[in-house]
Structure formats: structure tokens, C-alpha cells
C-alpha atoms as a PDB file:
ATOM      1  CA  MET A   1      86.109 213.911  62.083  1.00  0.00           C
ATOM      2  CA  ASP A   2      84.102 215.206  59.136  1.00  0.00           C
ATOM      3  CA  ARG A   3      82.985 218.560  60.513  1.00  0.00           C
ATOM      4  CA  PHE A   4      80.232 219.128  57.981  1.00  0.00           C
ATOM      5  CA  GLN A   5      78.800 215.687  58.733  1.00  0.00           C
ATOM      6  CA  ALA A   6      79.087 216.400  62.453  1.00  0.00           C
ATOM      7  CA  MET A   7      77.130 219.640  61.955  1.00  0.00           C
ATOM      8  CA  LYS A   8      74.402 217.766  60.084  1.00  0.00           C
ATOM      9  CA  VAL A   9      74.197 215.152  62.845  1.00  0.00           C
ATOM     10  CA  TYR A  10      74.057 217.878  65.496  1.00  0.00           C
ATOM     11  CA  MET A  11      71.255 219.736  63.689  1.00  0.00           C
ATOM     12  CA  ALA A  12      69.350 216.482  63.257  1.00  0.00           C
ATOM     13  CA  VAL A  13      69.519 215.839  67.014  1.00  0.00           C
ATOM     14  CA  VAL A  14      68.309 219.367  67.765  1.00  0.00           C
ATOM     15  CA  ASP A  15      65.481 219.144  65.215  1.00  0.00           C
ATOM     16  CA  ALA A  16      64.329 215.755  66.510  1.00  0.00           C
ATOM     17  CA  ARG A  17      65.038 216.581  70.177  1.00  0.00           C
ATOM     18  CA  SER A  18      66.202 213.012  70.499  1.00  0.00           C
ATOM     19  CA  PHE A  19      69.344 211.021  69.741  1.00  0.00           C
ATOM     20  CA  SER A  20      67.291 207.964  68.802  1.00  0.00           C
ATOM     21  CA  ARG A  21      64.958 209.791  66.425  1.00  0.00           C
ATOM     22  CA  ALA A  22      67.886 211.627  64.862  1.00  0.00           C
ATOM     23  CA  ALA A  23      69.667 208.303  64.302  1.00  0.00           C
ATOM     24  CA  ASP A  24      66.533 206.898  62.639  1.00  0.00           C
ATOM     25  CA  ASN A  25      66.139 209.986  60.452  1.00  0.00           C
ATOM     26  CA  LEU A  26      69.768 209.778  59.351  1.00  0.00           C
ATOM     27  CA  SER A  27      69.784 205.965  59.049  1.00  0.00           C
ATOM     28  CA  LEU A  28      72.744 205.819  61.417  1.00  0.00           C
ATOM     29  CA  PRO A  29      73.382 203.706  64.539  1.00  0.00           C
ATOM     30  CA  ARG A  30      72.478 205.566  67.728  1.00  0.00           C
ATOM     31  CA  ALA A  31      75.991 204.973  69.031  1.00  0.00           C
ATOM     32  CA  THR A  32      77.406 206.797  65.992  1.00  0.00           C
ATOM     33  CA  VAL A  33      75.200 209.806  66.630  1.00  0.00           C
ATOM     34  CA  THR A  34      76.119 209.882  70.318  1.00  0.00           C
ATOM     35  CA  THR A  35      79.841 209.582  69.584  1.00  0.00           C
ATOM     36  CA  THR A  36      79.655 212.301  66.925  1.00  0.00           C
ATOM     37  CA  ILE A  37      78.069 214.777  69.346  1.00  0.00           C
ATOM     38  CA  GLN A  38      80.563 213.911  72.085  1.00  0.00           C
ATOM     39  CA  ASN A  39      83.494 214.405  69.698  1.00  0.00           C
ATOM     40  CA  LEU A  40      82.009 217.691  68.514  1.00  0.00           C
ATOM     41  CA  GLU A  41      81.670 218.970  72.083  1.00  0.00           C
ATOM     42  CA  ASN A  42      85.231 217.878  72.841  1.00  0.00           C
ATOM     43  CA  LEU A  43      86.495 219.680  69.741  1.00  0.00           C
ATOM     44  CA  LEU A  44      84.649 222.887  70.603  1.00  0.00           C
ATOM     45  CA  ARG A  45      85.286 222.517  74.362  1.00  0.00           C
ATOM     46  CA  VAL A  46      81.722 223.549  75.182  1.00  0.00           C
ATOM     47  CA  ARG A  47      78.547 221.714  76.132  1.00  0.00           C
ATOM     48  CA  LEU A  48      76.061 221.978  73.290  1.00  0.00           C
ATOM     49  CA  LEU A  49      73.153 219.948  74.652  1.00  0.00           C
ATOM     50  CA  ASN A  50      71.449 219.347  77.965  1.00  0.00           C
ATOM     51  CA  ARG A  51      70.526 215.668  78.150  1.00  0.00           C
ATOM     52  CA  THR A  52      67.922 213.967  80.315  1.00  0.00           C
ATOM     53  CA  THR A  53      66.351 210.537  80.056  1.00  0.00           C
ATOM     54  CA  ARG A  54      63.352 212.050  78.293  1.00  0.00           C
ATOM     55  CA  SER A  55      64.505 215.061  76.333  1.00  0.00           C
ATOM     56  CA  VAL A  56      67.335 216.987  74.739  1.00  0.00           C
ATOM     57  CA  SER A  57      67.557 220.779  74.885  1.00  0.00           C
ATOM     58  CA  LEU A  58      70.019 223.420  73.717  1.00  0.00           C
ATOM     59  CA  THR A  59      72.494 225.199  75.968  1.00  0.00           C
ATOM     60  CA  PRO A  60      73.132 228.895  75.175  1.00  0.00           C
ATOM     61  CA  ASP A  61      76.346 227.863  73.390  1.00  0.00           C
ATOM     62  CA  GLY A  62      74.436 225.124  71.623  1.00  0.00           C
ATOM     63  CA  ALA A  63      71.820 227.594  70.353  1.00  0.00           C
ATOM     64  CA  ALA A  64      74.495 229.911  69.002  1.00  0.00           C
ATOM     65  CA  TYR A  65      76.324 227.003  67.367  1.00  0.00           C
ATOM     66  CA  TYR A  66      73.085 225.706  65.826  1.00  0.00           C
ATOM     67  CA  GLU A  67      72.411 229.098  64.242  1.00  0.00           C
ATOM     68  CA  ARG A  68      75.941 229.227  62.795  1.00  0.00           C
ATOM     69  CA  CYS A  69      75.603 225.646  61.507  1.00  0.00           C
ATOM     70  CA  ALA A  70      72.281 226.470  59.878  1.00  0.00           C
ATOM     71  CA  ARG A  71      73.805 229.440  58.087  1.00  0.00           C
ATOM     72  CA  LEU A  72      76.913 227.549  56.989  1.00  0.00           C
ATOM     73  CA  LEU A  73      75.063 224.517  55.701  1.00  0.00           C
ATOM     74  CA  SER A  74      72.423 226.675  54.041  1.00  0.00           C
ATOM     75  CA  ASP A  75      75.123 228.656  52.248  1.00  0.00           C
ATOM     76  CA  LEU A  76      76.840 225.428  51.246  1.00  0.00           C
ATOM     77  CA  GLU A  77      73.613 223.932  49.893  1.00  0.00           C
ATOM     78  CA  GLU A  78      72.846 227.091  47.927  1.00  0.00           C
ATOM     79  CA  MET A  79      76.350 227.207  46.481  1.00  0.00           C
ATOM     80  CA  GLU A  80      76.226 223.555  45.421  1.00  0.00           C
ATOM     81  CA  ALA A  81      72.739 224.001  43.977  1.00  0.00           C
ATOM     82  CA  ALA A  82      73.875 227.028  41.992  1.00  0.00           C
ATOM     83  CA  PHE A  83      76.589 224.962  40.329  1.00  0.00           C
ATOM     84  CA  ARG A  84      74.391 221.884  39.854  1.00  0.00           C
ATOM     85  CA  ASP A  85      71.450 223.632  38.291  1.00  0.00           C
ATOM     86  CA  VAL A  86      70.813 227.363  38.285  1.00  0.00           C
ATOM     87  CA  ALA A  87      67.164 226.692  37.553  1.00  0.00           C
ATOM     88  CA  GLN A  88      66.701 224.199  40.389  1.00  0.00           C
ATOM     89  CA  ARG A  89      63.470 224.614  42.336  1.00  0.00           C
ATOM     90  CA  PRO A  90      63.471 225.269  46.125  1.00  0.00           C
ATOM     91  CA  GLN A  91      63.804 222.033  48.034  1.00  0.00           C
ATOM     92  CA  GLY A  92      64.357 220.548  51.475  1.00  0.00           C
ATOM     93  CA  ARG A  93      62.571 220.467  54.824  1.00  0.00           C
ATOM     94  CA  LEU A  94      60.766 223.689  55.764  1.00  0.00           C
ATOM     95  CA  ARG A  95      59.442 223.989  59.297  1.00  0.00           C
ATOM     96  CA  ILE A  96      56.931 226.776  59.912  1.00  0.00           C
ATOM     97  CA  ASP A  97      54.659 227.829  62.765  1.00  0.00           C
ATOM     98  CA  VAL A  98      51.399 229.751  62.287  1.00  0.00           C
ATOM     99  CA  PRO A  99      48.380 230.801  64.385  1.00  0.00           C
ATOM    100  CA  THR A 100      45.679 228.147  64.345  1.00  0.00           C
ATOM    101  CA  ILE A 101      43.181 230.397  62.564  1.00  0.00           C
ATOM    102  CA  ILE A 102      45.656 231.184  59.777  1.00  0.00           C
ATOM    103  CA  GLY A 103      46.698 227.573  59.387  1.00  0.00           C
ATOM    104  CA  ARG A 104      43.221 226.063  59.418  1.00  0.00           C
ATOM    105  CA  LEU A 105      41.378 228.655  57.341  1.00  0.00           C
ATOM    106  CA  ILE A 106      44.032 230.085  55.027  1.00  0.00           C
ATOM    107  CA  LEU A 107      47.027 227.782  54.559  1.00  0.00           C
ATOM    108  CA  ILE A 108      45.660 224.243  54.815  1.00  0.00           C
ATOM    109  CA  PRO A 109      42.883 224.700  52.188  1.00  0.00           C
ATOM    110  CA  LYS A 110      45.490 225.945  49.691  1.00  0.00           C
ATOM    111  CA  LEU A 111      48.369 223.544  50.374  1.00  0.00           C
ATOM    112  CA  CYS A 112      47.695 221.605  47.178  1.00  0.00           C
ATOM    113  CA  GLU A 113      48.600 224.730  45.243  1.00  0.00           C
ATOM    114  CA  PHE A 114      51.820 225.116  47.218  1.00  0.00           C
ATOM    115  CA  ARG A 115      52.733 221.477  46.647  1.00  0.00           C
ATOM    116  CA  GLN A 116      52.120 221.762  42.916  1.00  0.00           C
ATOM    117  CA  ARG A 117      54.344 224.820  42.723  1.00  0.00           C
ATOM    118  CA  TYR A 118      57.088 223.529  45.040  1.00  0.00           C
ATOM    119  CA  PRO A 119      56.972 219.718  44.979  1.00  0.00           C
ATOM    120  CA  ASP A 120      60.498 219.371  46.424  1.00  0.00           C
ATOM    121  CA  ILE A 121      59.750 221.232  49.677  1.00  0.00           C
ATOM    122  CA  GLU A 122      58.840 219.062  52.665  1.00  0.00           C
ATOM    123  CA  LEU A 123      56.529 221.124  54.895  1.00  0.00           C
ATOM    124  CA  VAL A 124      56.347 220.690  58.682  1.00  0.00           C
ATOM    125  CA  ILE A 125      53.561 222.920  60.008  1.00  0.00           C
ATOM    126  CA  GLY A 126      53.027 223.804  63.667  1.00  0.00           C
ATOM    127  CA  MET A 127      49.818 225.612  64.609  1.00  0.00           C
ATOM    128  CA  GLY A 128      49.288 227.539  67.839  1.00  0.00           C
ATOM    129  CA  ASP A 129      49.686 230.886  69.573  1.00  0.00           C
ATOM    130  CA  ARG A 130      52.485 230.163  72.042  1.00  0.00           C
ATOM    131  CA  PRO A 131      55.854 231.931  71.882  1.00  0.00           C
ATOM    132  CA  VAL A 132      58.246 230.215  69.466  1.00  0.00           C
ATOM    133  CA  ASP A 133      62.030 230.474  69.621  1.00  0.00           C
ATOM    134  CA  LEU A 134      63.050 229.997  66.010  1.00  0.00           C
ATOM    135  CA  VAL A 135      66.623 228.989  66.903  1.00  0.00           C
ATOM    136  CA  GLN A 136      65.900 226.784  69.914  1.00  0.00           C
ATOM    137  CA  GLU A 137      63.050 224.996  68.138  1.00  0.00           C
ATOM    138  CA  ALA A 138      64.675 224.896  64.686  1.00  0.00           C
ATOM    139  CA  VAL A 139      61.772 226.735  63.036  1.00  0.00           C
ATOM    140  CA  ASP A 140      62.540 228.335  59.672  1.00  0.00           C
ATOM    141  CA  CYS A 141      59.811 230.979  59.745  1.00  0.00           C
ATOM    142  CA  VAL A 142      56.535 231.887  61.436  1.00  0.00           C
ATOM    143  CA  ILE A 143      53.429 233.897  60.667  1.00  0.00           C
ATOM    144  CA  ARG A 144      52.476 236.206  63.516  1.00  0.00           C
ATOM    145  CA  GLY A 145      50.369 239.283  64.248  1.00  0.00           C
ATOM    146  CA  GLY A 146      51.587 242.551  65.760  1.00  0.00           C
ATOM    147  CA  GLU A 147      54.625 244.771  65.465  1.00  0.00           C
ATOM    148  CA  LEU A 148      58.110 243.236  65.382  1.00  0.00           C
ATOM    149  CA  ILE A 149      59.957 243.625  68.704  1.00  0.00           C
ATOM    150  CA  ASP A 150      62.739 241.060  68.222  1.00  0.00           C
ATOM    151  CA  SER A 151      65.702 242.696  66.486  1.00  0.00           C
ATOM    152  CA  THR A 152      67.154 239.301  65.515  1.00  0.00           C
ATOM    153  CA  LEU A 153      64.236 238.640  63.152  1.00  0.00           C
ATOM    154  CA  VAL A 154      63.162 240.022  59.804  1.00  0.00           C
ATOM    155  CA  ALA A 155      59.464 240.751  59.253  1.00  0.00           C
ATOM    156  CA  ARG A 156      57.798 240.724  55.845  1.00  0.00           C
ATOM    157  CA  ARG A 157      54.310 242.139  56.149  1.00  0.00           C
ATOM    158  CA  ILE A 158      51.798 240.120  54.140  1.00  0.00           C
ATOM    159  CA  GLY A 159      48.494 241.621  55.287  1.00  0.00           C
ATOM    160  CA  SER A 160      46.450 243.038  58.130  1.00  0.00           C
ATOM    161  CA  ILE A 161      43.180 242.303  59.890  1.00  0.00           C
ATOM    162  CA  ASN A 162      40.646 244.915  60.949  1.00  0.00           C
ATOM    163  CA  PHE A 163      38.553 244.741  64.105  1.00  0.00           C
ATOM    164  CA  VAL A 164      35.076 245.967  64.994  1.00  0.00           C
ATOM    165  CA  THR A 165      33.281 246.907  68.189  1.00  0.00           C
ATOM    166  CA  CYS A 166      29.848 245.324  68.207  1.00  0.00           C
ATOM    167  CA  GLY A 167      26.974 243.925  70.224  1.00  0.00           C
ATOM    168  CA  ALA A 168      23.663 242.098  69.883  1.00  0.00           C
ATOM    169  CA  PRO A 169      20.367 243.920  69.153  1.00  0.00           C
ATOM    170  CA  ALA A 170      18.983 242.634  72.460  1.00  0.00           C
ATOM    171  CA  TYR A 171      21.797 244.384  74.330  1.00  0.00           C
ATOM    172  CA  PHE A 172      21.132 247.742  72.640  1.00  0.00           C
ATOM    173  CA  GLU A 173      17.407 247.443  73.318  1.00  0.00           C
ATOM    174  CA  ARG A 174      18.160 247.249  77.038  1.00  0.00           C
ATOM    175  CA  HIS A 175      21.087 249.652  77.311  1.00  0.00           C
ATOM    176  CA  GLY A 176      20.906 251.962  74.300  1.00  0.00           C
ATOM    177  CA  THR A 177      23.559 252.497  71.633  1.00  0.00           C
ATOM    178  CA  PRO A 178      26.692 254.489  72.533  1.00  0.00           C
ATOM    179  CA  GLN A 179      27.460 257.338  70.141  1.00  0.00           C
ATOM    180  CA  MET A 180      30.720 258.529  71.715  1.00  0.00           C
ATOM    181  CA  LEU A 181      33.721 256.719  73.200  1.00  0.00           C
ATOM    182  CA  ALA A 182      33.108 258.298  76.593  1.00  0.00           C
ATOM    183  CA  GLU A 183      29.689 256.638  76.707  1.00  0.00           C
ATOM    184  CA  LEU A 184      31.348 253.208  76.785  1.00  0.00           C
ATOM    185  CA  GLN A 185      31.908 253.775  80.505  1.00  0.00           C
ATOM    186  CA  GLU A 186      28.157 253.454  80.940  1.00  0.00           C
ATOM    187  CA  HIS A 187      28.032 250.094  79.146  1.00  0.00           C
ATOM    188  CA  GLN A 188      29.095 246.518  79.770  1.00  0.00           C
ATOM    189  CA  ALA A 189      31.738 244.532  77.918  1.00  0.00           C
ATOM    190  CA  VAL A 190      32.396 240.844  77.660  1.00  0.00           C
ATOM    191  CA  HIS A 191      36.059 240.770  78.661  1.00  0.00           C
ATOM    192  CA  TYR A 192      38.684 238.456  77.247  1.00  0.00           C
ATOM    193  CA  PHE A 193      41.690 237.578  79.384  1.00  0.00           C
ATOM    194  CA  SER A 194      45.012 236.161  78.267  1.00  0.00           C
ATOM    195  CA  ALA A 195      45.437 232.458  78.901  1.00  0.00           C
ATOM    196  CA  ARG A 196      49.174 233.106  79.364  1.00  0.00           C
ATOM    197  CA  THR A 197      49.058 235.994  81.849  1.00  0.00           C
ATOM    198  CA  GLY A 198      45.497 236.105  83.158  1.00  0.00           C
ATOM    199  CA  ARG A 199      45.392 239.836  82.304  1.00  0.00           C
ATOM    200  CA  ILE A 200      42.289 241.439  80.797  1.00  0.00           C
ATOM    201  CA  ILE A 201      42.995 242.663  77.266  1.00  0.00           C
ATOM    202  CA  ASP A 202      41.981 246.323  76.996  1.00  0.00           C
ATOM    203  CA  TRP A 203      40.144 247.705  74.005  1.00  0.00           C
ATOM    204  CA  ASP A 204      41.669 250.290  71.723  1.00  0.00           C
ATOM    205  CA  HIS A 205      40.325 252.819  69.221  1.00  0.00           C
ATOM    206  CA  LEU A 206      41.974 255.061  66.641  1.00  0.00           C
ATOM    207  CA  VAL A 207      41.014 258.685  67.297  1.00  0.00           C
ATOM    208  CA  ASP A 208      42.420 261.206  64.809  1.00  0.00           C
ATOM    209  CA  GLY A 209      45.213 258.781  64.009  1.00  0.00           C
ATOM    210  CA  GLN A 210      46.140 258.289  67.668  1.00  0.00           C
ATOM    211  CA  LEU A 211      45.675 255.023  69.522  1.00  0.00           C
ATOM    212  CA  GLN A 212      43.423 255.386  72.554  1.00  0.00           C
ATOM    213  CA  HIS A 213      43.055 252.545  75.065  1.00  0.00           C
ATOM    214  CA  VAL A 214      39.654 252.171  76.677  1.00  0.00           C
ATOM    215  CA  LYS A 215      38.700 250.194  79.774  1.00  0.00           C
ATOM    216  CA  VAL A 216      35.045 249.249  79.513  1.00  0.00           C
ATOM    217  CA  PRO A 217      33.245 247.994  82.632  1.00  0.00           C
ATOM    218  CA  GLY A 218      32.270 244.354  82.592  1.00  0.00           C
ATOM    219  CA  SER A 219      31.094 241.664  84.971  1.00  0.00           C
ATOM    220  CA  ILE A 220      32.148 238.632  82.993  1.00  0.00           C
ATOM    221  CA  ALA A 221      35.486 237.559  81.506  1.00  0.00           C
ATOM    222  CA  VAL A 222      36.407 234.452  79.525  1.00  0.00           C
ATOM    223  CA  ASN A 223      39.469 233.064  77.795  1.00  0.00           C
ATOM    224  CA  ASP A 224      37.566 230.839  75.389  1.00  0.00           C
ATOM    225  CA  ALA A 225      36.692 232.269  71.977  1.00  0.00           C
ATOM    226  CA  GLU A 226      33.499 230.285  71.537  1.00  0.00           C
ATOM    227  CA  ALA A 227      32.200 231.493  74.896  1.00  0.00           C
ATOM    228  CA  TYR A 228      33.295 235.059  74.068  1.00  0.00           C
ATOM    229  CA  MET A 229      31.219 235.227  70.890  1.00  0.00           C
ATOM    230  CA  ALA A 230      28.305 233.266  72.365  1.00  0.00           C
ATOM    231  CA  LEU A 231      27.984 235.756  75.209  1.00  0.00           C
ATOM    232  CA  ALA A 232      28.024 238.659  72.745  1.00  0.00           C
ATOM    233  CA  LEU A 233      25.300 237.045  70.627  1.00  0.00           C
ATOM    234  CA  GLN A 234      23.179 236.484  73.752  1.00  0.00           C
ATOM    235  CA  GLY A 235      23.421 240.169  74.667  1.00  0.00           C
ATOM    236  CA  PHE A 236      25.686 239.909  77.724  1.00  0.00           C
ATOM    237  CA  GLY A 237      27.791 242.852  76.543  1.00  0.00           C
ATOM    238  CA  LEU A 238      29.844 244.490  73.829  1.00  0.00           C
ATOM    239  CA  VAL A 239      32.894 242.847  72.245  1.00  0.00           C
ATOM    240  CA  GLN A 240      35.797 243.724  69.965  1.00  0.00           C
ATOM    241  CA  ALA A 241      36.319 241.041  67.343  1.00  0.00           C
ATOM    242  CA  ALA A 242      38.127 240.517  64.062  1.00  0.00           C
ATOM    243  CA  ARG A 243      35.905 242.005  61.365  1.00  0.00           C
ATOM    244  CA  PHE A 244      36.145 239.038  59.025  1.00  0.00           C
ATOM    245  CA  MET A 245      35.166 236.739  61.927  1.00  0.00           C
ATOM    246  CA  ALA A 246      32.190 238.899  62.920  1.00  0.00           C
ATOM    247  CA  LEU A 247      30.961 239.484  59.359  1.00  0.00           C
ATOM    248  CA  PRO A 248      28.562 236.514  59.141  1.00  0.00           C
ATOM    249  CA  TYR A 249      26.764 237.776  62.254  1.00  0.00           C
ATOM    250  CA  LEU A 250      26.870 241.425  61.135  1.00  0.00           C
ATOM    251  CA  GLU A 251      25.378 240.558  57.743  1.00  0.00           C
ATOM    252  CA  ARG A 252      22.569 238.559  59.368  1.00  0.00           C
ATOM    253  CA  GLY A 253      21.856 241.333  61.875  1.00  0.00           C
ATOM    254  CA  GLU A 254      22.783 239.133  64.840  1.00  0.00           C
ATOM    255  CA  LEU A 255      25.479 241.656  65.752  1.00  0.00           C
ATOM    256  CA  ILE A 256      25.541 245.417  65.137  1.00  0.00           C
ATOM    257  CA  GLU A 257      28.736 247.443  64.797  1.00  0.00           C
ATOM    258  CA  ILE A 258      29.048 250.609  66.874  1.00  0.00           C
ATOM    259  CA  LEU A 259      31.427 253.585  66.731  1.00  0.00           C
ATOM    260  CA  PRO A 260      32.680 252.725  63.212  1.00  0.00           C
ATOM    261  CA  GLN A 261      34.413 256.105  62.975  1.00  0.00           C
ATOM    262  CA  TRP A 262      36.735 255.007  65.783  1.00  0.00           C
ATOM    263  CA  ARG A 263      37.531 251.428  64.873  1.00  0.00           C
ATOM    264  CA  PRO A 264      40.282 249.497  66.694  1.00  0.00           C
ATOM    265  CA  GLU A 265      43.806 249.562  65.333  1.00  0.00           C
ATOM    266  CA  PRO A 266      44.359 246.995  62.540  1.00  0.00           C
ATOM    267  CA  LEU A 267      46.579 244.034  63.345  1.00  0.00           C
ATOM    268  CA  PRO A 268      49.512 243.639  60.913  1.00  0.00           C
ATOM    269  CA  ILE A 269      50.305 240.066  59.857  1.00  0.00           C
ATOM    270  CA  SER A 270      53.880 239.183  58.889  1.00  0.00           C
ATOM    271  CA  VAL A 271      56.139 236.304  57.945  1.00  0.00           C
ATOM    272  CA  LEU A 272      59.116 236.313  60.336  1.00  0.00           C
ATOM    273  CA  TYR A 273      62.461 234.619  59.846  1.00  0.00           C
ATOM    274  CA  PRO A 274      65.972 234.949  61.328  1.00  0.00           C
ATOM    275  CA  GLN A 275      68.386 237.489  59.898  1.00  0.00           C
ATOM    276  CA  ASN A 276      70.651 235.634  57.491  1.00  0.00           C
ATOM    277  CA  ARG A 277      73.128 236.826  54.965  1.00  0.00           C
ATOM    278  CA  HIS A 278      71.171 234.939  52.289  1.00  0.00           C
ATOM    279  CA  LEU A 279      67.455 234.214  52.517  1.00  0.00           C
ATOM    280  CA  SER A 280      66.869 230.501  51.969  1.00  0.00           C
ATOM    281  CA  PRO A 281      65.072 229.772  48.666  1.00  0.00           C
ATOM    282  CA  LYS A 282      62.510 227.616  50.472  1.00  0.00           C
ATOM    283  CA  VAL A 283      61.723 230.384  52.996  1.00  0.00           C
ATOM    284  CA  ARG A 284      61.505 232.917  50.188  1.00  0.00           C
ATOM    285  CA  ALA A 285      59.169 230.599  48.282  1.00  0.00           C
ATOM    286  CA  PHE A 286      56.860 230.174  51.280  1.00  0.00           C
ATOM    287  CA  SER A 287      56.928 233.900  52.065  1.00  0.00           C
ATOM    288  CA  ASP A 288      55.998 234.813  48.483  1.00  0.00           C
ATOM    289  CA  TRP A 289      53.207 232.228  48.433  1.00  0.00           C
ATOM    290  CA  ALA A 290      51.752 233.399  51.764  1.00  0.00           C
ATOM    291  CA  ALA A 291      51.811 237.014  50.562  1.00  0.00           C
ATOM    292  CA  GLU A 292      49.861 235.987  47.447  1.00  0.00           C
ATOM    293  CA  LEU A 293      47.231 234.214  49.557  1.00  0.00           C
ATOM    294  CA  PHE A 294      46.589 237.257  51.725  1.00  0.00           C
ATOM    295  CA  ALA A 295      46.573 239.575  48.717  1.00  0.00           C
ATOM    296  CA  GLN A 296      43.716 237.567  47.197  1.00  0.00           C
ATOM    297  CA  CYS A 297      41.274 238.445  49.975  1.00  0.00           C
ATOM    298  CA  PRO A 298      40.462 242.098  50.847  1.00  0.00           C
ATOM    299  CA  LEU A 299      39.501 241.152  54.412  1.00  0.00           C
ATOM    300  CA  LEU A 300      42.998 239.783  55.051  1.00  0.00           C
ATOM    301  CA  SER A 301      45.062 242.206  52.993  1.00  0.00           C
ATOM    302  CA  GLY A 302      43.770 245.382  54.632  1.00  0.00           C
ATOM    303  CA  ARG A 303      41.662 246.374  51.574  1.00  0.00           C
ATOM    304  CA  ASP A 304      38.356 246.170  53.441  1.00  0.00           C
ATOM    305  CA  GLU A 305      36.792 248.768  51.167  1.00  0.00           C
ATOM    306  CA  GLU A 306      36.953 246.231  48.325  1.00  0.00           C
ATOM    307  CA  TYR A 307      35.046 243.569  50.245  1.00  0.00           C
ATOM    308  CA  VAL A 308      31.871 242.213  48.611  1.00  0.00           C
ATOM    309  CA  PRO A 309      29.423 240.875  51.260  1.00  0.00           C
ATOM    310  CA  GLY A 310      29.378 237.104  51.370  1.00  0.00           C
ATOM    311  CA  VAL A 311      32.385 236.772  49.053  1.00  0.00           C
ATOM    312  CA  CYS A 312      36.032 236.024  49.820  1.00  0.00           C
ATOM    313  CA  THR A 313      38.237 235.295  46.816  1.00  0.00           C
ATOM    314  CA  LEU A 314      40.134 232.694  48.837  1.00  0.00           C
ATOM    315  CA  GLY A 315      37.091 230.487  48.505  1.00  0.00           C
ATOM    316  CA  ILE A 316      36.974 229.566  52.215  1.00  0.00           C
ATOM    317  CA  ASP A 317      33.997 229.380  54.528  1.00  0.00           C
ATOM    318  CA  PRO A 318      33.554 232.089  57.180  1.00  0.00           C
ATOM    319  CA  PRO A 319      35.501 231.262  60.370  1.00  0.00           C
ATOM    320  CA  THR A 320      33.700 229.645  63.279  1.00  0.00           C
ATOM    321  CA  ASN A 321      33.511 231.015  66.810  1.00  0.00           C
ATOM    322  CA  ALA A 322      36.360 228.798  67.987  1.00  0.00           C
ATOM    323  CA  SER A 323      38.673 230.295  65.355  1.00  0.00           C
ATOM    324  CA  VAL A 324      38.912 233.764  66.885  1.00  0.00           C
ATOM    325  CA  ARG A 325      40.980 232.795  69.951  1.00  0.00           C
ATOM    326  CA  ASP A 326      44.332 233.344  68.246  1.00  0.00           C
ATOM    327  CA  LEU A 327      43.419 236.765  66.906  1.00  0.00           C
ATOM    328  CA  ILE A 328      42.116 237.995  70.256  1.00  0.00           C
ATOM    329  CA  GLU A 329      45.300 236.802  71.958  1.00  0.00           C
ATOM    330  CA  GLN A 330      47.487 238.485  69.342  1.00  0.00           C
ATOM    331  CA  ARG A 331      45.755 241.834  69.852  1.00  0.00           C
ATOM    332  CA  ASN A 332      47.754 242.053  73.102  1.00  0.00           C
ATOM    333  CA  LEU A 333      51.057 243.208  71.620  1.00  0.00           C
ATOM    334  CA  ALA A 334      52.722 243.259  75.020  1.00  0.00           C
ATOM    335  CA  GLU A 335      52.321 239.497  74.989  1.00  0.00           C
ATOM    336  CA  SER A 336      53.473 239.227  71.354  1.00  0.00           C
ATOM    337  CA  THR A 337      54.723 235.826  70.333  1.00  0.00           C
ATOM    338  CA  PHE A 338      57.674 237.353  68.476  1.00  0.00           C
END
């Protein structure tokens, strides 16, 4: 049995989550793929895959073996490429996963630039805010918000997003404008609860460099971003929102920021990938490109002081209400998708 070929077949089955799809992708008979996996399991004397009539999933041994295969084959490809052509551009299939707001507003509008720079990379982009197991789901890298808590991953910070506490003029006319954090207890918030846990996400503020969590009273809670912002604009209560998302409303006077001296803690944004002895050229290429994108816009790179009202050098339109869901969810670091 050709072990390197068996590894490639195994990884293809895991990536496709199907023997049939893997056979199609490899242009091999399904029986050949099935026999190869059976022979591989017999050689290793472990079960690599759980099989049902509808799906294929990794066993713990299978996940560990997949990671080793990925490293071995990646090293082999890099070695062969080095001898074939030291100037060869990054190439191959790159599977990434990003929050919907980042994918739709930042990455997708600029993909033509990425393709022109790296024409030999085949991109597979997943967009969402659910937890992603990079090994189990054969994902090369992800973009996520929050601090890294998984020691098996490497995080390259590419930017950060600031948040504001704000409300509608109609709300302040009825309830007054709080001048101190303690006064928030006398106000009403529109709460946002996690779709994954059902838990209300508390607010936070930086006070003299220390993070202070605040529970603001509220009689309404939603887990839909469009409803969250709509309620704020109608004066139902105060909200904490990503500054770049709230800016169109702040500039038009439809929302007013409060307590700017105690803004919420910024959310770091990073590219995450598994710890490998050698970083894949295609992952490095994507990581460098993503870092450049964020660096081009002060509102996404943490350089808010450089922001010019109405202008973002990325050339994208301001995000819509429905875009904020991912950022609100990611504020809850305890539910981090790392």
C-alpha cells in the first residue's frame, strides 16, 4: 500500500465528509477509496472514522492522525516545491472560516485583489459565528474576535474593533443622560442574549485601565441584531454596539454616544491557525493579506483617532443593522469560538 496515497485519500474523505464525494474529487472508484481506508485502519489497528448511512465523522484517533497527515503532506509539498521552483507562488486549496460581518463587508469585496495576487490558491470560505474545530473540520485558519484560549492554536492579531454605549435622542429626552457609570442603574438597556446559551451578555467599561462589568436594568432582550438596533433607534433603551456599525447613526444624530471616557473594552481580531512546525505558504499568504486589509481602515485596525467621518479607506459601505450580530456575539469571550 502506498502510504502517502492512502494519507491523501484519507484526508480527502475527511474534507468531503463522504466516501462518494471524496472518490469524485480524486477521480477514483468509490470501492478503491473504501478499500484504501479499510487497509489503512487495519495497518494502524485503530478506527479512524465513524460511518453512518448519511455522514462520516472523525474518531479521536482519526483526528490525531489527520493532523499528523496534514503536517507530513504539507512538509512534503513544501520540500518538493522548494526543489521545483524556489520562487513558486503559494498554491493549493485553502479552507477558511470567518464571521459573517468580516466575510461580507471586508473579505468578499476585496477577493479580486487576493485572486490577482495568489491565482494558484483555491479558496473555500465558510461564514458564521459557530465554534469551529480546525482539525475535525479540516479548516486551515479562521478569523475570530476575542483573546486566544486554545493553546493548540496560534493567533496573529490583525486589528481590533471599538465599541460605544449609545441611545436615541428620544430616550434621553424622557430619561435624561447619565454622566456616571453608577447612574446606569437608573436607566434601561436593550439586552442582547446569546443564541447559543440564552445568557444575557453584560456590558463592560474600561475604568482607569481596569475592566468593569455593568448590569444595566432592562425589560426587553433580543438575539437578533436588526431588532437590537431598531429598538435602540426607537428609544427603547441604551445599547452597546460596534463603533464602526453605529457611526452612520451617530453622524446623523439618530444615536448619541454616552460615557465616552469609559468606553467598552476593544475586541481584538486575529487570524488563528494550528501550531505547525512550518507555517503553510498559503496560510501565510492569506494571513498577510488579511492584515493588510485591516490596516487600511482605522476603524478596523484600532486607530480610531485617524478616522475621517464618512470615509473608510477600504471603500466599503457602512454595515447594515443585520451585520452586527456576529460582533455582539463575539463580545462574550466566555463563549469564544476559539
